[in-house]
Amino acid sequence: MMMCGNVITGGPSPDAVDAANSSSHVTWLNKRGIKSFYHGVVADDLRSGAQMLLQGAGLGRIRPNVLVMGFKNNWCKCPPTIIDNYIGILHDSFDLQYGVCVLRMKEGLDLSYKMQAHVNQGFEAAAEPGLDERPTINTLDPESLLAMPQPTTVFQSKQEKKTIDVYWLFDDGGLTLLLPYLLKRKKRWGRCKVRVFVGGEIQHVEEQKQELTALISKFRLGFHEIYVLPDINEKPQPEHVKKFEDLLAPYRAHTLQKNEEGVGQRTHDCPWIVSDEEIEKNTAKSLRQIRLNEVLQDYSRDAALIIVTMPIGRRGACPSALYMAWLETLSRDLRPPVLLVRGNQESVLTFYCQ
């Protein structure tokens, strides 16, 4: 069961409700052969709307169990509260026992700039003040929306004999392995081969490879190319560490104190602020994300798709800006689409047919 959610931000109003419930969204899905339900909500912000959708989606046990969302490419230019809300959606999903997938593509996923020419002028604000005091909702003209061509991405084109590279770094129930198996069953991806990469120790590479090959064969996934990477635990290059530090610098506590006089708010009030103590506690995880990106650059530069286990930043222990910097660093500067995956710890693979 798939459900496409749409969050209209702003206070409740007739225009907002109409925009959320417009039938043009369902027509758009049907025209393009997307088998999905549609549900729109009106909320004060994106996180509140996502919470509504996560808790209200489905009926009984017939409900989605994985949240798929896009990576926020412009997070460095956004107010810190927006970053905190975005990371908060991930935390809320884990708390509600959802698996999470975050898709990042080099060209991004925001197509709004292509749709600006199709805004229906009939929905814009009145020319004279006072004629219409209701909040205006920027609504796309349904007819123009349906006439627009389908955006072309790697997922709309047939793949040649490329690879789907899977970096299985943690056991989260098997979702990271299940997704490439399901993807290969599609005609467009059928010619691709799946390569599975795992971390290991240099003195036990062959032994670990045999163990993993035997495990995957029990799951009947049909993956035969297994790679154990002992260099995954090496220290990253100093220039890449410096780039990560520069990325995080605007959110450091000492930087904010220099730029603003009398900054007395703590992480309690500003959960995006990263203190020196939190940097120290999370040094190992930060260095790991930097090193993983180096590994992705070395092994998967020409892959059709990269699927990698998403790192977890514990709520209250990892500031939202630091968590966002991890996701940015792990998936940056890669040509193939990157899918960050984290299961909900419930097993989605079985050893035997039932």
Protein backbone atom coordinates (compact mmCIF):
# COMPACT_ATOMS: atom_id res chain seq x y z
CA MET A 1 0.00 0.00 0.00
CA MET A 2 1.40 3.38 -1.01
CA MET A 3 0.07 6.77 0.00
CA CYS A 4 1.26 10.10 -1.39
CA GLY A 5 0.93 12.81 1.25
CA ASN A 6 0.62 16.53 0.60
CA VAL A 7 1.08 19.09 3.39
CA ILE A 8 -0.36 22.57 2.81
CA THR A 9 1.29 24.87 5.33
CA GLY A 10 -0.60 27.75 6.90
CA GLY A 11 -3.70 28.23 8.98
CA PRO A 12 -6.94 26.41 8.10
CA SER A 13 -8.96 28.26 5.47
CA PRO A 14 -11.33 27.32 2.66
CA ASP A 15 -8.61 27.89 0.08
CA ALA A 16 -6.13 25.74 1.99
CA VAL A 17 -8.61 22.89 2.38
CA ASP A 18 -9.53 23.08 -1.31
CA ALA A 19 -5.85 22.97 -2.27
CA ALA A 20 -5.24 19.92 -0.06
CA ASN A 21 -8.30 18.04 -1.33
CA SER A 22 -8.09 18.98 -5.00
CA SER A 23 -8.91 16.04 -7.28
CA SER A 24 -6.18 17.14 -9.69
CA HIS A 25 -3.60 15.36 -7.51
CA VAL A 26 -5.36 12.01 -7.92
CA THR A 27 -5.83 12.63 -11.64
CA TRP A 28 -2.10 13.37 -11.95
CA LEU A 29 -1.22 10.06 -10.27
CA ASN A 30 -3.69 8.08 -12.38
CA LYS A 31 -2.55 9.63 -15.66
CA ARG A 32 1.02 8.58 -14.95
CA GLY A 33 0.10 5.07 -13.85
CA ILE A 34 1.19 5.56 -10.22
CA LYS A 35 -0.68 3.11 -8.02
CA SER A 36 -1.12 5.14 -4.87
CA PHE A 37 -3.70 6.67 -2.59
CA TYR A 38 -3.58 10.42 -2.02
CA HIS A 39 -4.13 12.29 1.21
CA GLY A 40 -3.70 16.02 1.77
CA VAL A 41 -3.65 17.84 5.11
CA VAL A 42 -3.47 21.45 6.26
CA ALA A 43 -1.00 22.16 9.06
CA ASP A 44 0.98 25.01 10.58
CA ASP A 45 4.28 23.53 9.38
CA LEU A 46 5.66 20.53 7.51
CA ARG A 47 6.47 18.52 10.63
CA SER A 48 2.95 18.88 12.05
CA GLY A 49 1.48 17.78 8.73
CA ALA A 50 3.86 14.82 8.55
CA GLN A 51 2.81 13.76 12.06
CA MET A 52 -0.84 13.80 10.93
CA LEU A 53 -0.04 11.65 7.92
CA LEU A 54 2.15 9.20 9.83
CA GLN A 55 -0.50 8.58 12.48
CA GLY A 56 -3.57 8.67 10.24
CA ALA A 57 -2.39 6.78 7.16
CA GLY A 58 -4.05 3.45 6.37
CA LEU A 59 -6.79 1.46 8.01
CA GLY A 60 -6.00 -0.94 10.85
CA ARG A 61 -3.09 -3.17 9.88
CA ILE A 62 -3.42 -2.12 6.25
CA ARG A 63 -1.11 0.83 6.52
CA PRO A 64 2.27 1.99 5.22
CA ASN A 65 5.32 1.18 7.32
CA VAL A 66 8.02 3.13 5.45
CA LEU A 67 8.31 6.90 5.00
CA VAL A 68 9.98 8.06 1.78
CA MET A 69 11.04 11.69 1.57
CA GLY A 70 13.48 13.83 -0.36
CA PHE A 71 16.77 15.18 0.88
CA LYS A 72 16.73 18.88 1.76
CA ASN A 73 19.46 20.20 -0.53
CA ASN A 74 19.17 23.84 0.56
CA TRP A 75 19.33 23.21 4.31
CA CYS A 76 22.41 25.42 4.75
CA LYS A 77 20.41 28.43 3.53
CA CYS A 78 17.34 27.71 5.67
CA PRO A 79 16.56 29.06 9.15
CA PRO A 80 17.69 26.63 11.87
CA THR A 81 14.09 25.97 12.88
CA ILE A 82 13.41 24.52 9.42
CA ILE A 83 16.36 22.15 9.82
CA ASP A 84 15.11 21.11 13.24
CA ASN A 85 11.63 20.39 11.85
CA TYR A 86 13.08 18.32 9.00
CA ILE A 87 15.19 16.19 11.35
CA GLY A 88 12.21 16.03 13.71
CA ILE A 89 10.21 14.25 10.98
CA LEU A 90 12.86 11.52 10.90
CA HIS A 91 12.75 11.13 14.70
CA ASP A 92 8.94 11.06 14.69
CA SER A 93 8.98 8.32 12.04
CA PHE A 94 11.32 6.15 14.11
CA ASP A 95 9.21 6.72 17.23
CA LEU A 96 6.08 5.63 15.33
CA GLN A 97 7.84 2.43 14.14
CA TYR A 98 8.28 3.50 10.54
CA GLY A 99 11.23 2.68 8.36
CA VAL A 100 12.72 5.73 6.65
CA CYS A 101 14.12 6.30 3.15
CA VAL A 102 15.66 9.63 2.13
CA LEU A 103 16.36 10.05 -1.59
CA ARG A 104 19.03 12.46 -2.79
CA MET A 105 19.58 13.20 -6.46
CA LYS A 106 22.27 15.40 -7.93
CA GLU A 107 19.76 17.58 -9.75
CA GLY A 108 17.42 17.67 -6.76
CA LEU A 109 13.74 16.82 -6.48
CA ASP A 110 12.19 20.30 -6.39
CA LEU A 111 10.27 20.90 -9.63
CA SER A 112 8.40 23.99 -8.45
CA TYR A 113 10.53 26.26 -10.66
CA LYS A 114 9.21 24.38 -13.69
CA MET A 115 5.64 24.81 -12.52
CA GLN A 116 5.64 28.55 -11.85
CA ALA A 117 4.40 29.28 -15.36
CA HIS A 118 1.35 27.10 -14.71
CA VAL A 119 -0.03 28.97 -11.70
CA ASN A 120 -3.73 29.62 -12.18
CA GLN A 121 -4.19 33.40 -12.03
CA GLY A 122 -7.74 32.85 -10.82
CA PHE A 123 -6.39 31.72 -7.47
CA GLU A 124 -4.13 34.72 -6.92
CA ALA A 125 -4.92 37.56 -4.53
CA ALA A 126 -7.46 40.20 -5.47
CA ALA A 127 -6.09 43.22 -7.33
CA GLU A 128 -7.61 45.71 -4.87
CA PRO A 129 -7.01 45.44 -1.11
CA GLY A 130 -9.99 44.52 0.97
CA LEU A 131 -11.86 42.60 -1.71
CA ASP A 132 -10.71 39.24 -0.40
CA GLU A 133 -9.26 39.04 3.10
CA ARG A 134 -8.83 35.25 3.08
CA PRO A 135 -5.28 33.87 3.01
CA THR A 136 -4.29 33.05 -0.55
CA ILE A 137 -2.96 29.65 -1.56
CA ASN A 138 -0.65 29.43 -4.55
CA THR A 139 -2.49 26.74 -6.48
CA LEU A 140 -1.45 25.12 -9.73
CA ASP A 141 -3.95 25.15 -12.55
CA PRO A 142 -5.20 21.50 -12.71
CA GLU A 143 -5.46 21.49 -16.51
CA SER A 144 -1.97 22.89 -16.96
CA LEU A 145 -0.61 20.51 -14.33
CA LEU A 146 -1.98 17.48 -16.16
CA ALA A 147 -0.61 18.71 -19.47
CA MET A 148 2.92 19.01 -18.13
CA PRO A 149 5.34 16.32 -19.32
CA GLN A 150 6.61 13.78 -16.81
CA PRO A 151 10.01 14.90 -15.44
CA THR A 152 12.70 12.57 -16.70
CA THR A 153 14.99 11.03 -14.10
CA VAL A 154 16.99 7.84 -13.77
CA PHE A 155 13.83 6.18 -12.46
CA GLN A 156 11.89 6.90 -15.67
CA SER A 157 14.52 5.48 -18.03
CA LYS A 158 15.59 1.91 -18.73
CA GLN A 159 18.91 1.05 -17.10
CA GLU A 160 21.67 -0.67 -19.00
CA LYS A 161 24.05 -3.20 -17.48
CA LYS A 162 25.02 -1.03 -14.54
CA THR A 163 25.13 -1.79 -10.83
CA ILE A 164 22.94 -1.15 -7.81
CA ASP A 165 25.45 -0.74 -5.00
CA VAL A 166 24.20 -1.60 -1.51
CA TYR A 167 26.19 -0.61 1.57
CA TRP A 168 24.77 -2.78 4.33
CA LEU A 169 26.36 -1.25 7.42
CA PHE A 170 23.85 -2.18 10.17
CA ASP A 171 21.21 -4.86 10.62
CA ASP A 172 17.95 -2.92 10.77
CA GLY A 173 15.57 -5.71 9.78
CA GLY A 174 16.74 -6.20 6.20
CA LEU A 175 15.03 -3.26 4.47
CA THR A 176 18.34 -2.15 2.95
CA LEU A 177 18.61 -5.53 1.18
CA LEU A 178 14.94 -5.91 0.32
CA LEU A 179 14.67 -2.68 -1.67
CA PRO A 180 17.24 -3.57 -4.38
CA TYR A 181 15.64 -7.01 -4.69
CA LEU A 182 12.23 -5.45 -5.36
CA LEU A 183 13.75 -2.88 -7.70
CA LYS A 184 15.41 -5.56 -9.84
CA ARG A 185 12.04 -7.16 -10.44
CA LYS A 186 11.06 -4.09 -12.44
CA LYS A 187 11.77 -4.29 -16.18
CA ARG A 188 13.71 -1.02 -16.19
CA TRP A 189 16.19 -2.30 -13.60
CA GLY A 190 16.24 -5.98 -14.54
CA ARG A 191 19.61 -5.84 -16.33
CA CYS A 192 21.40 -4.27 -13.37
CA LYS A 193 23.42 -6.41 -11.00
CA VAL A 194 23.45 -5.84 -7.25
CA ARG A 195 26.72 -5.47 -5.37
CA VAL A 196 26.65 -5.69 -1.57
CA PHE A 197 29.38 -3.95 0.43
CA VAL A 198 30.01 -4.48 4.13
CA GLY A 199 32.70 -3.43 6.56
CA GLY A 200 35.19 -5.97 7.87
CA GLU A 201 38.64 -6.71 9.22
CA ILE A 202 41.55 -7.23 6.86
CA GLN A 203 42.65 -10.47 8.54
CA HIS A 204 39.17 -12.05 8.21
CA VAL A 205 38.04 -10.83 4.78
CA GLU A 206 37.49 -14.24 3.15
CA GLU A 207 35.84 -15.71 6.22
CA GLN A 208 33.42 -12.80 6.54
CA LYS A 209 32.66 -12.91 2.81
CA GLN A 210 31.74 -16.60 3.00
CA GLU A 211 29.52 -16.01 6.04
CA LEU A 212 27.69 -13.13 4.37
CA THR A 213 27.29 -15.04 1.10
CA ALA A 214 25.73 -17.95 2.98
CA LEU A 215 23.40 -15.58 4.86
CA ILE A 216 22.18 -13.82 1.72
CA SER A 217 21.63 -17.15 -0.04
CA LYS A 218 19.31 -18.20 2.81
CA PHE A 219 17.25 -15.07 2.15
CA ARG A 220 16.92 -16.16 -1.53
CA LEU A 221 17.77 -12.67 -2.79
CA GLY A 222 20.04 -13.81 -5.63
CA PHE A 223 22.88 -11.42 -4.83
CA HIS A 224 26.23 -12.99 -5.71
CA GLU A 225 28.70 -10.10 -5.65
CA ILE A 226 29.73 -9.54 -2.03
CA TYR A 227 32.58 -7.23 -1.06
CA VAL A 228 34.14 -6.90 2.39
CA LEU A 229 35.83 -3.52 2.81
CA PRO A 230 38.47 -3.49 5.52
CA ASP A 231 39.46 0.08 4.61
CA ILE A 232 36.04 1.40 5.59
CA ASN A 233 37.31 2.00 9.13
CA GLU A 234 40.38 4.00 8.14
CA LYS A 235 40.75 7.68 8.98
CA PRO A 236 39.38 10.11 6.37
CA GLN A 237 41.52 12.58 4.46
CA PRO A 238 42.31 15.81 6.41
CA GLU A 239 40.89 18.04 3.67
CA HIS A 240 37.55 16.23 3.88
CA VAL A 241 37.52 16.60 7.66
CA LYS A 242 38.16 20.33 7.20
CA LYS A 243 35.24 20.55 4.77
CA PHE A 244 32.96 18.90 7.35
CA GLU A 245 34.11 21.31 10.06
CA ASP A 246 33.45 24.29 7.79
CA LEU A 247 30.00 22.93 7.02
CA LEU A 248 29.15 22.71 10.72
CA ALA A 249 30.86 25.93 11.81
CA PRO A 250 27.80 28.26 11.57
CA TYR A 251 25.94 26.07 14.06
CA ARG A 252 28.72 25.78 16.65
CA ALA A 253 27.95 27.28 20.08
CA HIS A 254 31.14 29.34 20.25
CA THR A 255 30.50 30.80 16.77
CA LEU A 256 27.02 31.95 17.76
CA GLN A 257 28.34 33.50 20.96
CA LYS A 258 30.87 35.52 18.97
CA ASN A 259 28.29 36.72 16.48
CA GLU A 260 25.52 37.51 18.96
CA GLU A 261 25.91 39.30 22.25
CA GLY A 262 24.32 37.80 25.31
CA VAL A 263 23.48 34.43 23.84
CA GLY A 264 22.17 32.61 26.88
CA GLN A 265 19.90 30.08 25.28
CA ARG A 266 21.05 26.51 25.57
CA THR A 267 20.51 23.49 23.40
CA HIS A 268 17.27 23.11 25.31
CA ASP A 269 15.83 26.15 23.50
CA CYS A 270 17.90 25.85 20.31
CA PRO A 271 18.29 22.13 19.56
CA TRP A 272 20.33 22.88 16.44
CA ILE A 273 23.24 24.40 18.36
CA VAL A 274 26.26 22.09 18.52
CA SER A 275 28.41 22.40 21.63
CA ASP A 276 32.07 21.40 21.93
CA GLU A 277 31.06 18.57 24.23
CA GLU A 278 28.63 17.18 21.65
CA ILE A 279 31.29 17.42 18.95
CA GLU A 280 33.65 15.44 21.16
CA LYS A 281 31.07 12.74 21.96
CA ASN A 282 30.16 12.28 18.30
CA THR A 283 33.64 12.51 16.80
CA ALA A 284 33.78 8.83 15.85
CA LYS A 285 30.41 8.98 14.07
CA SER A 286 31.34 12.17 12.25
CA LEU A 287 34.61 10.74 10.99
CA ARG A 288 32.78 7.59 9.89
CA GLN A 289 30.39 9.55 7.65
CA ILE A 290 33.31 11.42 6.10
CA ARG A 291 35.14 8.15 5.43
CA LEU A 292 32.02 6.47 4.04
CA ASN A 293 31.64 9.23 1.48
CA GLU A 294 35.22 8.61 0.39
CA VAL A 295 34.41 4.91 0.00
CA LEU A 296 31.30 5.71 -2.07
CA GLN A 297 33.38 7.95 -4.31
CA ASP A 298 35.96 5.18 -4.84
CA TYR A 299 33.67 2.20 -5.45
CA SER A 300 30.32 3.53 -6.71
CA ARG A 301 31.09 6.52 -8.88
CA ASP A 302 29.54 4.83 -11.96
CA ALA A 303 26.67 2.97 -10.27
CA ALA A 304 23.07 3.43 -11.38
CA LEU A 305 21.89 3.72 -7.77
CA ILE A 306 23.53 3.73 -4.34
CA ILE A 307 21.63 2.36 -1.36
CA VAL A 308 23.32 2.94 1.99
CA THR A 309 22.27 2.43 5.59
CA MET A 310 21.26 5.75 7.12
CA PRO A 311 23.11 6.85 10.27
CA ILE A 312 21.04 7.47 13.38
CA GLY A 313 21.38 10.51 15.63
CA ARG A 314 19.69 9.91 18.95
CA ARG A 315 17.07 12.48 19.90
CA GLY A 316 18.45 14.77 22.60
CA ALA A 317 22.00 13.49 22.18
CA CYS A 318 22.66 14.65 18.60
CA PRO A 319 21.77 18.25 17.62
CA SER A 320 19.70 18.54 14.46
CA ALA A 321 22.40 20.54 12.64
CA LEU A 322 24.99 17.84 13.37
CA TYR A 323 22.65 15.09 12.16
CA MET A 324 21.91 17.07 9.00
CA ALA A 325 25.65 17.53 8.44
CA TRP A 326 26.11 13.75 8.67
CA LEU A 327 23.49 13.14 5.97
CA GLU A 328 24.97 15.89 3.80
CA THR A 329 28.53 14.61 4.16
CA LEU A 330 27.62 10.98 3.54
CA SER A 331 25.76 11.64 0.27
CA ARG A 332 27.49 14.71 -1.17
CA ASP A 333 29.24 15.05 -4.57
CA LEU A 334 27.88 11.79 -5.98
CA ARG A 335 26.54 11.47 -9.53
CA PRO A 336 24.20 8.48 -8.96
CA PRO A 337 21.05 8.88 -6.87
CA VAL A 338 21.67 8.04 -3.21
CA LEU A 339 18.98 6.34 -1.12
CA LEU A 340 19.57 6.50 2.62
CA VAL A 341 17.66 3.65 4.27
CA ARG A 342 16.93 2.72 7.86
CA GLY A 343 14.46 -0.01 8.83
CA ASN A 344 12.28 -0.06 11.92
CA GLN A 345 14.08 -3.11 13.39
CA GLU A 346 11.26 -5.44 12.29
CA SER A 347 12.48 -8.25 10.07
CA VAL A 348 11.32 -8.01 6.47
CA LEU A 349 13.32 -11.06 5.29
CA THR A 350 12.68 -14.73 6.09
CA PHE A 351 14.86 -17.79 5.75
CA TYR A 352 12.13 -20.10 4.45
CA CYS A 353 9.03 -19.81 2.27
CA GLN A 354 5.82 -19.72 4.28
